[in-house]
Each structure stands twice: as C-alpha cells, then as structure tokens.
Amino acid sequence: GRPGLSYDNDSRSVSWAEPAEVDDDVSHPDSHSCPGKDLSVQMISAFIQELARSGPWEAVSEGITLSLYGTSGWLLRKAGATSQEPDHPHPLEPLCDIAGWVCDFVNE
C-alpha cells in the first residue's frame, strides 16, 4: 500500500487528529489528538474479527456504494439463510424508542 497507510506505518494518517500534534508530542498544550485512538483501533479490530468468525455472511442489500465518508448502508445475513429480513431489531431501535428524532435523522 501507500506509505503511511499500513499497519506498520501510520505517519501519513489523518485519522484521530494526528496532524494536530505539536512536534509529535501529545502532551504539548497545543496538541490536539484523540486520547482513545488505541482503544478505538482495538475495538474495531475485535469487532471485525468476531464478525468474520461468526460467518460466513452474504450481503442482503444490492448496489452498495462506498465513499470517503461512508457507505450507502447494507444488511448482512448468514450465508444460506432464507429470510430477506434480519431476525433481530435494528441496532438503533432502543435509542429510537427514547429519542425518535435519531431514527428520523438516520432514515433521511
């Protein structure tokens, strides 16, 4: 891959606000970076590993698109499952019950 965008070298990364560090010193008073970077990397890594282990999966959605800002959204189901709809509630359902505007915003 390109320099700076690999597991061993994140020197050109723009994620987690690394360019906002003064002289690569996170403790500098003018540095502004993400204190949860290592935790967030570990969380997404563990999620992807567990998702892969619990598969195989297939996409229910068609025409999935990807941009620098996100995806068009998609649903997965276990490979070989016959139902088109997931048999579990939408992940935001508990939040939508409390604050309905969240689902209105997400579904726009």
Protein backbone atom coordinates (compact mmCIF):
# COMPACT_ATOMS: atom_id res chain seq x y z
CA GLY A 1 0.00 0.00 0.00
CA ARG A 2 0.87 3.66 0.03
CA PRO A 3 3.42 4.81 2.61
CA GLY A 4 1.73 5.87 5.81
CA LEU A 5 -1.39 3.81 5.22
CA SER A 6 -0.30 0.43 6.52
CA TYR A 7 -0.34 -1.38 9.83
CA ASP A 8 3.35 -0.69 10.43
CA ASN A 9 3.39 2.95 9.34
CA ASP A 10 0.67 5.48 10.13
CA SER A 11 2.92 8.52 9.66
CA ARG A 12 0.65 9.99 6.97
CA SER A 13 -2.63 9.14 8.62
CA VAL A 14 -5.21 11.87 9.08
CA SER A 15 -7.34 9.75 11.38
CA TRP A 16 -7.61 10.51 15.09
CA ALA A 17 -6.28 14.07 14.55
CA GLU A 18 -2.61 13.10 14.39
CA PRO A 19 -1.70 16.17 12.26
CA ALA A 20 -2.79 18.35 15.18
CA GLU A 21 0.14 17.28 17.35
CA VAL A 22 2.98 19.71 18.02
CA ASP A 23 6.37 18.05 17.33
CA ASP A 24 4.75 14.61 17.72
CA ASP A 25 4.24 15.41 21.42
CA VAL A 26 0.71 14.53 22.58
CA SER A 27 1.41 16.16 25.95
CA HIS A 28 2.18 19.56 24.41
CA PRO A 29 -0.54 22.04 25.46
CA ASP A 30 -1.23 22.96 21.81
CA SER A 31 -1.52 19.33 20.67
CA HIS A 32 -4.99 18.05 19.90
CA SER A 33 -5.28 14.35 19.18
CA CYS A 34 -7.55 11.52 20.12
CA PRO A 35 -6.78 10.00 23.53
CA GLY A 36 -8.91 6.98 22.63
CA LYS A 37 -7.06 6.09 19.42
CA ASP A 38 -5.53 2.82 20.63
CA LEU A 39 -8.79 1.74 22.26
CA SER A 40 -10.87 2.53 19.17
CA VAL A 41 -8.45 0.64 16.91
CA GLN A 42 -8.63 -2.38 19.21
CA MET A 43 -12.45 -2.20 19.36
CA ILE A 44 -12.98 -2.15 15.60
CA SER A 45 -10.35 -4.84 15.10
CA ALA A 46 -12.06 -7.12 17.63
CA PHE A 47 -15.47 -6.44 16.06
CA ILE A 48 -14.27 -7.31 12.54
CA GLN A 49 -12.53 -10.47 13.80
CA GLU A 50 -15.65 -11.68 15.62
CA LEU A 51 -17.87 -10.82 12.65
CA ALA A 52 -15.62 -12.87 10.36
CA ARG A 53 -15.51 -15.79 12.82
CA SER A 54 -19.29 -15.92 13.13
CA GLY A 55 -19.83 -16.04 9.33
CA PRO A 56 -19.92 -16.82 6.51
CA TRP A 57 -22.02 -13.80 5.60
CA GLU A 58 -23.65 -12.56 2.42
CA ALA A 59 -24.98 -9.11 1.57
CA VAL A 60 -28.77 -8.73 1.51
CA SER A 61 -28.51 -5.21 0.11
CA GLU A 62 -27.82 -4.55 -3.55
CA GLY A 63 -25.97 -1.63 -5.07
CA ILE A 64 -23.77 -0.93 -2.05
CA THR A 65 -21.67 2.17 -2.58
CA LEU A 66 -18.62 3.44 -0.70
CA SER A 67 -17.16 6.92 -0.48
CA LEU A 68 -14.55 8.63 1.65
CA TYR A 69 -17.33 9.49 4.10
CA GLY A 70 -19.15 6.18 4.50
CA THR A 71 -21.34 3.65 2.77
CA SER A 72 -24.85 3.65 1.39
CA GLY A 73 -25.73 1.22 4.15
CA TRP A 74 -26.12 -2.54 3.95
CA LEU A 75 -27.51 -5.61 5.65
CA LEU A 76 -25.80 -8.95 6.10
CA ARG A 77 -27.29 -12.37 6.70
CA LYS A 78 -25.78 -15.75 7.37
CA ALA A 79 -24.91 -17.48 4.12
CA GLY A 80 -27.65 -19.96 3.27
CA ALA A 81 -30.34 -18.24 5.36
CA THR A 82 -33.66 -17.92 3.54
CA SER A 83 -35.16 -14.83 5.21
CA GLN A 84 -34.67 -11.49 3.45
CA GLU A 85 -35.23 -9.57 6.68
CA PRO A 86 -32.89 -9.85 9.66
CA ASP A 87 -34.45 -11.65 12.65
CA HIS A 88 -33.15 -9.07 15.09
CA PRO A 89 -34.19 -5.48 15.77
CA HIS A 90 -32.43 -2.56 14.17
CA PRO A 91 -29.41 -1.66 16.35
CA LEU A 92 -30.80 1.82 16.98
CA GLU A 93 -34.27 0.61 17.98
CA PRO A 94 -33.76 1.06 21.77
CA LEU A 95 -32.44 4.58 21.19
CA CYS A 96 -35.28 5.37 18.79
CA ASP A 97 -37.79 4.40 21.48
CA ILE A 98 -36.30 7.08 23.74
CA ALA A 99 -35.40 9.72 21.14
CA GLY A 100 -37.40 9.21 17.95
CA TRP A 101 -35.60 12.07 16.18
CA VAL A 102 -32.49 9.86 15.99
CA CYS A 103 -34.20 7.38 13.66
CA ASP A 104 -35.78 10.21 11.68
CA PHE A 105 -32.31 11.68 11.16
CA VAL A 106 -30.72 8.33 10.25
CA ASN A 107 -33.51 7.35 7.85
CA GLU A 108 -33.38 10.61 5.84
